[in-house]
Protein backbone atom coordinates (compact mmCIF):
# COMPACT_ATOMS: atom_id res chain seq x y z
CA MET A 1 19.47 14.66 -11.91
CA ASN A 2 15.74 14.72 -12.71
CA ASN A 3 16.20 11.69 -14.98
CA ILE A 4 16.53 9.60 -11.83
CA ILE A 5 12.75 10.01 -11.41
CA LEU A 6 12.33 7.50 -14.24
CA ILE A 7 14.38 4.75 -12.57
CA PRO A 8 11.56 3.43 -10.31
CA MET A 9 9.36 2.91 -13.40
CA ILE A 10 11.66 2.23 -16.35
CA LEU A 11 14.22 -0.06 -14.69
CA PRO A 12 11.66 -2.67 -13.48
CA ILE A 13 10.00 -2.68 -16.92
CA LEU A 14 13.30 -3.20 -18.77
CA ALA A 15 14.38 -5.90 -16.33
CA GLY A 16 10.98 -7.58 -16.55
CA VAL A 17 11.18 -7.74 -20.34
CA LEU A 18 14.68 -9.22 -20.10
CA LEU A 19 13.59 -11.85 -17.58
CA ILE A 20 10.81 -13.05 -19.88
CA PHE A 21 13.58 -14.55 -22.03
CA LEU A 22 15.24 -16.17 -19.00
CA ARG A 23 12.20 -17.91 -17.56
CA THR A 24 13.97 -21.24 -17.02
CA TYR A 25 16.76 -19.65 -14.95
CA GLY A 26 14.99 -19.30 -11.61
CA ARG A 27 17.91 -18.18 -9.43
CA LEU A 28 19.11 -15.70 -12.02
CA GLN A 29 15.63 -14.21 -12.26
CA ALA A 30 15.39 -13.95 -8.48
CA TRP A 31 18.72 -12.26 -7.90
CA THR A 32 18.28 -9.94 -10.89
CA SER A 33 14.89 -8.84 -9.54
CA ILE A 34 16.34 -8.27 -6.08
CA ALA A 35 19.24 -6.23 -7.52
CA VAL A 36 16.88 -4.13 -9.64
CA MET A 37 14.64 -3.32 -6.68
CA ALA A 38 17.68 -2.49 -4.55
CA VAL A 39 18.77 0.03 -7.20
CA VAL A 40 15.24 1.48 -7.23
CA ALA A 41 15.36 1.84 -3.44
CA ALA A 42 18.75 3.60 -3.68
CA ALA A 43 17.35 5.96 -6.33
CA ALA A 44 14.41 6.75 -4.04
CA VAL A 45 16.78 7.59 -1.17
CA TYR A 46 18.69 9.92 -3.47
CA LEU A 47 15.49 11.59 -4.69
CA LEU A 48 14.17 11.99 -1.17
CA ASN A 49 17.26 13.87 -0.06
CA ALA A 50 17.39 15.90 -3.29
CA ILE A 51 13.83 17.08 -2.66
CA GLN A 52 14.84 18.38 0.76
CA THR A 53 17.52 20.59 -0.79
CA ASP A 54 16.13 21.45 -4.25
CA GLY A 55 12.38 21.15 -3.76
CA ILE A 56 9.91 19.07 -5.75
CA LEU A 57 11.44 17.54 -8.89
CA ARG A 58 9.81 16.78 -12.23
CA ILE A 59 10.70 15.40 -15.63
CA ASP A 60 8.90 16.25 -18.89
CA PHE A 61 8.80 13.96 -21.90
CA GLY A 62 9.59 15.29 -25.38
CA GLY A 63 10.36 18.79 -24.16
CA TRP A 64 6.65 19.53 -23.65
CA THR A 65 6.26 21.47 -20.41
CA PRO A 66 3.19 21.05 -18.19
CA PRO A 67 0.28 21.08 -18.66
CA PHE A 68 0.71 19.97 -22.29
CA GLY A 69 3.16 17.08 -22.04
CA ILE A 70 3.58 13.93 -20.00
CA SER A 71 5.24 14.74 -16.69
CA PHE A 72 6.31 12.70 -13.70
CA VAL A 73 6.65 14.55 -10.42
CA ALA A 74 8.65 13.52 -7.34
CA ASP A 75 7.58 15.09 -4.07
CA SER A 76 8.29 13.75 -0.59
CA PHE A 77 4.94 11.96 -0.30
CA ALA A 78 5.34 10.05 -3.56
CA VAL A 79 9.01 9.19 -3.02
CA LEU A 80 8.47 7.98 0.55
CA LEU A 81 5.97 5.49 -0.85
CA VAL A 82 8.30 4.51 -3.69
CA LEU A 83 11.11 3.89 -1.19
CA THR A 84 8.97 1.84 1.18
CA SER A 85 7.40 -0.24 -1.59
CA SER A 86 10.86 -0.96 -3.05
CA VAL A 87 12.35 -2.05 0.28
CA VAL A 88 9.33 -4.25 1.03
CA THR A 89 9.58 -5.80 -2.44
CA VAL A 90 13.28 -6.60 -1.99
CA ILE A 91 12.51 -8.43 1.25
CA CYS A 92 9.53 -10.29 -0.25
CA LEU A 93 11.70 -11.38 -3.20
CA LEU A 94 14.27 -12.75 -0.75
CA HIS A 95 11.45 -14.85 0.68
CA ALA A 96 10.46 -15.92 -2.84
CA LEU A 97 13.92 -17.46 -3.29
CA VAL A 98 12.89 -20.36 -1.06
CA SER A 99 9.07 -20.23 -0.99
CA THR A 100 8.27 -20.06 -4.71
CA ASP A 101 8.31 -23.41 -6.50
CA LYS A 102 10.04 -23.95 -9.84
CA GLU A 103 6.80 -24.30 -11.77
CA LEU A 104 5.65 -20.87 -10.61
CA VAL A 105 8.99 -19.33 -11.51
CA THR A 106 8.79 -20.62 -15.08
CA MET A 107 5.34 -19.03 -15.40
CA TYR A 108 6.87 -15.54 -15.42
CA PHE A 109 6.49 -14.83 -11.71
CA TYR A 110 9.50 -12.51 -11.40
CA PRO A 111 8.84 -10.44 -14.56
CA THR A 112 5.24 -9.97 -13.46
CA VAL A 113 6.32 -8.77 -10.01
CA LEU A 114 8.61 -6.21 -11.66
CA PHE A 115 5.79 -5.01 -13.94
CA LEU A 116 3.55 -4.75 -10.86
CA ILE A 117 6.10 -2.56 -9.07
CA ALA A 118 6.59 -0.41 -12.19
CA GLY A 119 2.85 0.26 -12.23
CA ILE A 120 2.79 1.02 -8.50
CA ASN A 121 5.76 3.41 -8.66
CA GLY A 122 4.41 5.03 -11.82
CA SER A 123 1.13 5.68 -10.02
CA PHE A 124 2.95 7.39 -7.18
CA LEU A 125 5.02 9.59 -9.51
CA SER A 126 2.48 10.40 -12.23
CA GLY A 127 1.95 14.13 -12.81
CA ASP A 128 -1.45 13.84 -14.52
CA ILE A 129 -4.56 11.82 -13.94
CA PHE A 130 -4.58 9.99 -17.27
CA ASN A 131 -1.10 8.58 -16.70
CA LEU A 132 -2.26 7.66 -13.21
CA PHE A 133 -4.95 5.59 -14.94
CA VAL A 134 -2.37 4.00 -17.27
CA CYS A 135 -0.08 3.07 -14.39
CA PHE A 136 -3.07 1.73 -12.46
CA GLU A 137 -3.82 -0.58 -15.37
CA VAL A 138 -0.21 -1.78 -15.60
CA MET A 139 -0.40 -2.62 -11.90
CA LEU A 140 -3.80 -4.30 -12.23
CA LEU A 141 -2.90 -6.40 -15.27
CA SER A 142 0.15 -7.67 -13.40
CA SER A 143 -1.94 -8.40 -10.31
CA TYR A 144 -4.42 -10.41 -12.42
CA ILE A 145 -1.58 -12.69 -13.52
CA LEU A 146 -0.07 -13.01 -10.03
CA LEU A 147 -3.47 -13.79 -8.54
CA THR A 148 -4.01 -16.75 -10.87
CA LEU A 149 -0.49 -18.21 -10.67
CA GLY A 150 -0.72 -21.34 -8.55
CA GLY A 151 -3.69 -22.99 -10.17
CA SER A 152 -6.05 -23.64 -7.23
CA LYS A 153 -9.83 -23.46 -7.67
CA ARG A 154 -10.07 -20.91 -4.86
CA GLN A 155 -7.60 -18.64 -6.65
CA LEU A 156 -9.59 -18.85 -9.87
CA ARG A 157 -12.84 -18.05 -8.09
CA GLU A 158 -11.36 -15.05 -6.31
CA ALA A 159 -9.57 -13.92 -9.49
CA ILE A 160 -12.87 -13.78 -11.39
CA LYS A 161 -14.34 -11.57 -8.67
CA TYR A 162 -11.22 -9.39 -8.46
CA VAL A 163 -10.93 -8.89 -12.22
CA SER A 164 -14.64 -8.13 -12.61
CA ILE A 165 -14.61 -5.49 -9.88
CA ASN A 166 -11.50 -3.80 -11.22
CA ILE A 167 -12.75 -3.75 -14.81
CA VAL A 168 -15.92 -1.99 -13.65
CA SER A 169 -13.97 0.48 -11.51
CA SER A 170 -11.55 1.19 -14.37
CA TRP A 171 -14.51 1.93 -16.64
CA PHE A 172 -15.86 4.41 -14.10
CA PHE A 173 -12.35 5.84 -13.80
CA LEU A 174 -12.27 6.59 -17.54
CA ILE A 175 -15.77 8.09 -17.43
CA ALA A 176 -14.75 10.36 -14.54
CA ILE A 177 -11.59 11.45 -16.39
CA ALA A 178 -13.64 12.29 -19.50
CA TYR A 179 -16.14 14.40 -17.54
CA LEU A 180 -13.34 16.12 -15.64
CA TYR A 181 -11.55 17.03 -18.86
CA GLY A 182 -14.80 18.27 -20.35
CA ALA A 183 -15.40 20.47 -17.30
CA VAL A 184 -11.96 22.06 -16.88
CA GLY A 185 -10.02 21.25 -20.07
CA THR A 186 -6.91 19.73 -18.51
CA LEU A 187 -5.67 16.53 -16.85
CA ASN A 188 -2.39 17.68 -15.30
CA PHE A 189 -2.73 17.55 -11.50
CA ALA A 190 -1.26 21.01 -10.87
CA HIS A 191 -3.26 22.59 -13.69
CA LEU A 192 -6.40 20.84 -12.46
CA SER A 193 -5.85 22.41 -9.06
CA VAL A 194 -5.54 25.87 -10.64
CA ARG A 195 -8.59 25.44 -12.89
CA VAL A 196 -10.84 24.07 -10.15
CA ALA A 197 -9.80 26.93 -7.86
CA GLU A 198 -10.53 29.48 -10.61
CA ASN A 199 -13.94 28.02 -11.52
CA GLY A 200 -14.95 27.09 -8.02
CA GLN A 201 -15.89 23.54 -7.08
CA GLU A 202 -19.37 23.78 -8.51
CA PRO A 203 -21.92 20.93 -8.12
CA LEU A 204 -20.78 19.25 -11.36
CA LEU A 205 -17.17 19.08 -10.15
CA THR A 206 -18.28 17.88 -6.73
CA THR A 207 -20.26 15.11 -8.41
CA ILE A 208 -17.20 14.17 -10.50
CA SER A 209 -15.13 14.13 -7.32
CA ILE A 210 -17.58 11.68 -5.75
CA VAL A 211 -17.21 9.38 -8.78
CA PHE A 212 -13.43 9.48 -8.30
CA LEU A 213 -14.00 8.75 -4.61
CA ILE A 214 -16.00 5.63 -5.49
CA VAL A 215 -13.35 4.50 -7.99
CA PHE A 216 -10.46 4.93 -5.59
CA SER A 217 -12.48 3.36 -2.78
CA LEU A 218 -12.85 0.23 -4.89
CA LYS A 219 -9.11 0.23 -5.54
CA ALA A 220 -8.21 0.87 -1.89
CA GLY A 221 -10.81 -1.34 -0.21
CA LEU A 222 -12.52 1.60 1.51
CA LEU A 223 -16.05 0.41 2.42
CA LEU A 224 -16.35 -1.43 -0.93
CA TYR A 225 -13.95 -4.12 0.27
CA PHE A 226 -16.01 -7.27 -0.29
CA TRP A 227 -13.54 -8.46 -2.96
CA LEU A 228 -10.44 -7.99 -0.80
CA PRO A 229 -10.38 -10.75 1.87
CA GLY A 230 -10.64 -13.61 -0.63
CA SER A 231 -8.35 -12.06 -3.23
CA TYR A 232 -5.56 -11.31 -0.76
CA SER A 233 -5.72 -14.61 1.10
CA SER A 234 -5.84 -17.08 -1.81
CA PRO A 235 -2.53 -16.60 -3.74
CA PRO A 236 0.90 -17.98 -2.74
CA VAL A 237 2.55 -16.39 0.27
CA VAL A 238 4.79 -13.83 -1.46
CA THR A 239 1.98 -12.66 -3.73
CA SER A 240 -0.30 -12.24 -0.71
CA ALA A 241 2.41 -10.26 1.08
CA LEU A 242 2.92 -7.93 -1.89
CA PHE A 243 -0.83 -7.46 -2.33
CA GLY A 244 -1.46 -6.82 1.36
CA ALA A 245 1.46 -4.42 1.65
CA LEU A 246 1.19 -2.45 -1.59
CA LEU A 247 -1.95 -2.67 -3.70
CA THR A 248 -4.45 -0.87 -1.49
CA LYS A 249 -1.84 1.83 -0.85
CA VAL A 250 -2.06 2.99 -4.47
CA GLY A 251 -5.77 3.69 -4.08
CA ILE A 252 -5.09 5.46 -0.78
CA TYR A 253 -2.36 7.55 -2.43
CA ALA A 254 -4.73 8.55 -5.25
CA MET A 255 -7.36 9.68 -2.74
CA PHE A 256 -4.84 11.77 -0.81
CA ARG A 257 -3.56 13.35 -4.03
CA MET A 258 -6.97 14.14 -5.48
CA PHE A 259 -8.63 15.38 -2.31
CA THR A 260 -5.77 17.58 -1.11
CA LEU A 261 -4.62 18.97 -4.46
CA VAL A 262 -7.73 19.12 -6.66
CA PHE A 263 -11.01 18.58 -4.77
CA TYR A 264 -10.36 20.27 -1.44
CA HIS A 265 -12.78 23.20 -1.77
CA GLU A 266 -15.92 21.44 -0.49
CA PRO A 267 -14.67 19.40 2.48
CA GLU A 268 -18.10 19.46 4.12
CA THR A 269 -19.22 17.20 1.27
CA THR A 270 -16.25 15.13 0.09
CA HIS A 271 -14.31 14.83 3.33
CA ASN A 272 -17.44 14.05 5.34
CA ILE A 273 -18.24 11.25 2.89
CA ILE A 274 -14.68 9.95 3.33
CA ALA A 275 -15.14 10.10 7.12
CA VAL A 276 -18.39 8.08 6.98
CA MET A 277 -16.84 5.51 4.63
CA ALA A 278 -13.77 5.24 6.88
CA VAL A 279 -15.95 4.62 9.94
CA LEU A 280 -18.00 1.94 8.18
CA THR A 281 -14.79 0.33 6.91
CA LEU A 282 -13.31 0.27 10.41
CA ILE A 283 -16.45 -1.32 11.80
CA GLY A 284 -16.83 -3.87 8.99
CA GLY A 285 -13.15 -4.78 9.01
CA SER A 286 -13.15 -5.21 12.79
CA ILE A 287 -16.16 -7.53 12.70
CA GLY A 288 -14.58 -9.58 9.92
CA ALA A 289 -11.24 -9.86 11.73
CA ILE A 290 -12.77 -11.30 14.92
CA ALA A 291 -15.38 -13.45 13.18
CA HIS A 292 -13.04 -15.71 11.19
CA ASN A 293 -10.94 -18.65 12.31
CA ASP A 294 -8.91 -18.79 9.08
CA ILE A 295 -5.66 -16.94 9.76
CA ARG A 296 -5.42 -15.79 6.12
CA GLN A 297 -8.85 -14.17 6.35
CA ILE A 298 -7.94 -12.49 9.64
CA ALA A 299 -4.85 -10.95 8.03
CA ALA A 300 -6.91 -9.77 5.03
CA TYR A 301 -9.49 -8.07 7.24
CA ASN A 302 -6.65 -6.34 9.08
CA VAL A 303 -5.73 -4.80 5.72
CA VAL A 304 -9.29 -3.42 5.56
CA ILE A 305 -9.03 -1.94 9.06
CA ALA A 306 -5.78 -0.19 8.14
CA VAL A 307 -7.39 1.41 5.06
CA GLY A 308 -10.14 2.88 7.21
CA PHE A 309 -7.67 4.09 9.82
CA ILE A 310 -5.37 5.82 7.33
CA LEU A 311 -8.24 7.59 5.60
CA THR A 312 -9.53 9.02 8.86
CA GLY A 313 -6.41 11.18 8.62
CA LEU A 314 -7.53 12.48 5.22
CA ALA A 315 -11.04 13.09 6.54
CA ILE A 316 -9.70 15.13 9.48
CA ALA A 317 -7.13 16.92 7.26
CA THR A 318 -5.17 18.78 9.93
CA PRO A 319 -1.35 18.87 9.76
CA ASP A 320 -0.97 16.38 12.61
CA ALA A 321 -3.62 14.06 11.17
CA ILE A 322 -2.02 14.05 7.72
CA GLU A 323 1.43 13.41 9.19
CA GLY A 324 -0.01 10.61 11.30
CA ALA A 325 -1.71 9.08 8.27
CA ILE A 326 1.56 9.15 6.29
CA PHE A 327 3.52 7.60 9.16
CA TYR A 328 0.88 4.91 9.54
CA LEU A 329 0.80 4.30 5.78
CA LEU A 330 4.55 3.62 5.72
CA HIS A 331 4.27 1.45 8.83
CA ASP A 332 1.41 -0.57 7.39
CA MET A 333 3.28 -1.37 4.18
CA VAL A 334 6.07 -2.92 6.23
CA VAL A 335 4.04 -4.73 8.86
CA LYS A 336 1.38 -6.12 6.52
CA ALA A 337 4.13 -7.71 4.44
CA LEU A 338 5.53 -9.16 7.67
CA LEU A 339 2.12 -10.45 8.78
CA PHE A 340 1.39 -12.22 5.48
CA LEU A 341 4.88 -13.75 5.32
CA LEU A 342 4.54 -15.05 8.87
CA ILE A 343 1.10 -16.48 8.25
CA GLY A 344 2.25 -18.10 5.01
CA THR A 345 5.13 -19.70 6.90
CA ILE A 346 2.79 -20.96 9.63
CA ILE A 347 0.53 -22.58 7.03
CA LEU A 348 3.53 -24.17 5.30
CA LEU A 349 4.77 -25.69 8.57
CA THR A 350 1.41 -26.92 9.87
CA GLY A 351 -0.47 -27.66 6.66
CA THR A 352 -3.57 -25.77 7.81
CA ALA A 353 -4.94 -22.24 8.06
CA GLN A 354 -7.54 -23.03 10.74
CA ILE A 355 -6.84 -21.77 14.25
CA GLY A 356 -8.52 -24.80 15.85
CA LYS A 357 -6.09 -27.21 14.18
CA MET A 358 -2.91 -25.56 15.50
CA SER A 359 -1.34 -25.40 18.95
CA GLY A 360 2.01 -24.91 20.65
CA ILE A 361 3.92 -23.79 17.55
CA ILE A 362 6.19 -21.54 19.59
CA GLN A 363 7.75 -24.58 21.26
CA ASN A 364 8.96 -25.81 17.89
CA TYR A 365 9.64 -22.46 16.25
CA PRO A 366 10.31 -19.82 18.94
CA ILE A 367 11.78 -17.17 16.62
CA LEU A 368 8.73 -17.41 14.37
CA GLY A 369 6.43 -17.06 17.39
CA TRP A 370 8.12 -13.99 18.82
CA SER A 371 8.29 -12.38 15.37
CA PHE A 372 4.51 -12.76 15.16
CA PHE A 373 4.22 -11.25 18.65
CA ILE A 374 6.16 -8.16 17.56
CA ALA A 375 4.05 -7.83 14.41
CA MET A 376 0.91 -8.03 16.55
CA LEU A 377 2.11 -5.29 18.91
CA SER A 378 3.18 -3.08 16.01
CA LEU A 379 -0.20 -3.36 14.27
CA ALA A 380 -1.94 -2.57 17.55
CA GLY A 381 0.17 0.58 17.89
CA ILE A 382 2.15 -0.38 20.99
CA PRO A 383 5.28 1.80 21.57
CA PRO A 384 8.06 1.92 20.55
CA LEU A 385 7.09 0.08 17.36
CA SER A 386 6.24 1.78 14.05
CA GLY A 387 2.45 1.83 14.46
CA PHE A 388 2.61 3.99 17.58
CA VAL A 389 3.87 7.23 16.01
CA GLY A 390 1.15 7.44 13.37
CA LYS A 391 -1.60 6.75 15.88
CA VAL A 392 -0.36 9.42 18.28
CA LEU A 393 -0.14 12.09 15.57
CA LEU A 394 -3.52 11.17 14.08
CA SER A 395 -5.07 11.24 17.56
CA GLN A 396 -3.61 14.69 18.18
CA GLY A 397 -5.07 15.92 14.89
CA ALA A 398 -8.49 14.48 15.73
CA ILE A 399 -8.48 16.12 19.17
CA ASP A 400 -7.44 19.49 17.72
CA SER A 401 -10.28 19.35 15.17
CA GLY A 402 -12.87 18.07 17.65
CA SER A 403 -13.39 14.78 15.76
CA TYR A 404 -13.89 12.78 18.93
CA ILE A 405 -16.30 10.18 17.55
CA LEU A 406 -14.04 9.48 14.59
CA LEU A 407 -11.08 9.18 16.94
CA ALA A 408 -12.92 6.83 19.30
CA ILE A 409 -13.88 4.48 16.45
CA ALA A 410 -10.38 4.61 14.93
CA LEU A 411 -8.68 3.78 18.24
CA GLY A 412 -11.37 1.23 19.05
CA SER A 413 -10.45 -0.63 15.87
CA SER A 414 -6.96 -1.08 17.32
CA LEU A 415 -8.46 -3.20 20.08
CA PHE A 416 -10.10 -5.43 17.48
CA VAL A 417 -6.78 -5.70 15.63
CA LEU A 418 -5.09 -6.70 18.87
CA TYR A 419 -7.85 -9.18 19.76
CA SER A 420 -7.88 -10.85 16.33
CA LEU A 421 -4.11 -11.32 16.28
CA LEU A 422 -3.96 -12.25 19.96
CA LYS A 423 -6.44 -15.02 19.15
CA ILE A 424 -3.94 -16.39 16.64
CA PHE A 425 -1.00 -15.98 19.01
CA LYS A 426 -2.77 -17.58 21.97
CA ASN A 427 -4.39 -20.50 20.19
CA CYS A 428 -1.75 -21.31 17.58
CA PHE A 429 1.51 -20.61 19.38
CA TRP A 430 0.73 -21.49 23.00
CA GLY A 431 -0.63 -24.65 24.56
CA GLU A 432 0.47 -28.22 23.97
CA THR A 433 2.35 -28.64 20.72
CA ILE A 434 0.70 -30.74 18.02
CA VAL A 435 4.06 -31.53 16.41
CA SER A 436 6.61 -33.85 17.99
CA LYS A 437 10.30 -33.22 17.62
CA ASP A 438 10.57 -36.19 15.29
CA ASP A 439 7.78 -34.91 13.00
CA GLN A 440 8.89 -31.28 13.10
CA VAL A 441 9.34 -29.71 9.66
CA PRO A 442 12.66 -27.81 9.51
CA LEU A 443 12.24 -24.05 9.21
CA ARG A 444 14.71 -23.00 6.55
CA ARG A 445 16.72 -19.85 7.12
CA GLY A 446 15.38 -18.37 3.88
CA PHE A 447 11.88 -18.25 5.36
CA LEU A 448 12.99 -16.64 8.59
CA VAL A 449 15.50 -14.00 7.46
CA PRO A 450 13.01 -11.86 5.45
CA CYS A 451 10.63 -11.89 8.42
CA LEU A 452 13.41 -10.80 10.76
CA LEU A 453 14.38 -8.00 8.37
CA LEU A 454 10.81 -6.70 8.46
CA VAL A 455 10.77 -7.04 12.26
CA ALA A 456 13.93 -4.95 12.39
CA LEU A 457 12.33 -2.43 10.04
CA THR A 458 9.20 -1.95 12.15
CA ILE A 459 11.34 -1.51 15.25
CA GLY A 460 13.68 0.86 13.36
CA ILE A 461 10.82 3.04 12.07
CA GLY A 462 9.43 3.31 15.59
CA LEU A 463 12.75 4.15 17.23
CA GLY A 464 13.92 6.31 14.30
CA ALA A 465 10.70 8.29 13.86
CA GLU A 466 12.54 11.54 14.57
CA GLY A 467 14.84 10.90 11.61
CA LEU A 468 11.84 10.38 9.33
CA SER A 469 9.86 13.31 10.70
CA ASP A 470 11.43 15.92 8.39
CA TYR A 471 10.48 13.93 5.29
CA VAL A 472 6.98 13.19 6.57
CA SER A 473 6.45 16.83 7.59
CA ASP A 474 7.52 17.98 4.15
CA ALA A 475 5.12 15.47 2.55
CA ALA A 476 2.25 16.68 4.75
CA ASP A 477 3.07 20.32 4.03
CA THR A 478 2.95 19.67 0.28
CA LEU A 479 -0.40 17.91 0.61
CA LEU A 480 -1.94 20.66 2.71
CA ASN A 481 -0.52 23.54 0.63
CA PRO A 482 -1.35 22.88 -3.03
CA GLN A 483 0.51 25.99 -4.16
CA VAL A 484 3.83 24.32 -3.27
CA TYR A 485 3.08 21.55 -5.78
CA ILE A 486 1.69 23.99 -8.36
CA ASP A 487 4.77 26.25 -8.21
CA ALA A 488 7.06 23.26 -8.74
CA VAL A 489 5.16 21.96 -11.78
CA LEU A 490 3.68 24.92 -13.66
CA THR A 491 5.26 28.08 -15.09
CA GLU A 492 3.75 31.40 -14.08
CA ASP A 493 1.83 31.61 -17.36
CA PHE A 494 -0.48 28.78 -16.26
CA GLN A 495 -0.95 29.77 -12.62
């Protein structure tokens, strides 16, 4: 049964290699990729339910048990993210069937997407920090390719910035891993937790933890997000949707894993730094979202706001706050994909990304307009949509811990999210239409169906929150009680 843990990583890689040799068969590549990701999603559902009955699962390569060998570990937190990323990818690939041109398909678009997802899922399931680094790099290399596919000057400019930043952060990542290994003599997450607890989080380890915090902040777009708006708004629509939904979540996951399992002994230092960075990110993202008139840039800055909001949950670190952060993380993966797909469709239909050049779109495309309205309400946290549950739980955790200023800024950012998206909805969808019936570009069903699936998903998560609560509670319990993870990974000899 534990071999199923490998499916979310190995299957996309094998399929991606196969599709390299089928690059001229666009439809075959598309449907193969969709089928592969559907199998990955089914495997994640199976793993999630197996964890509820059998506890945390792991698989060891070559018969070497932790902490000596390479291990991949499936707990509820990791598998929830694997499941959500797989479902979102399936829906984005359905959109790619009609939105991706033939030239892009022959440039290895589908294999690269599968390699990207393999890196993302491997990051979620990695049992040691070095393999986390390896999976990060698989994800990043794939994202470099996807960012440049399309050939525009803007893409190339943003790609240079994106690649440069990530090369520097990866270098710091390796340096931090080397110092950490030199300090405690292990890289396995569970064994790291034991060693740090035994030695105490002395100043050297706290300094190393801050280096990891900087690295993961660069990956997640926490405070150091200057590269994100351009990089996420310049590629083709499906690539933007995948980036906005998934890439920052890997950095967020790494921060949650490191600062709940390994570096949780000095929260007055590390968690306070995270809180300050989250506040500054919320403020900066909010200003950026309301300052721009380019709808792509507005969507990108809403990604930044979400990063800050989710990491306030880690900074507060109470059970309710962690559960709220997990709920909001899952919600954001779904709704950010929806937002980018909708905005890409709007740009395709109107030929512009500037708010001032659009008006009355809802008269021509009512389903598109009301889908955007639902996405806007969900991102603002209006009940009963998916964003509401996470915000309520995180607010409860902040009140219980007395973090009133942090809560006020986090909830205040929701008003900026609502305002920035309401500006798009009011100016672009309402008013006198700029497109006559005769000049109206037909909206193909293939563009609309993926958006409606994501709309249904955000409504379903909100209405079905009680069904998800057991999985989310188990994920939060594992994060807040490191011994649960340690007992599942290590034998008694290493505890």
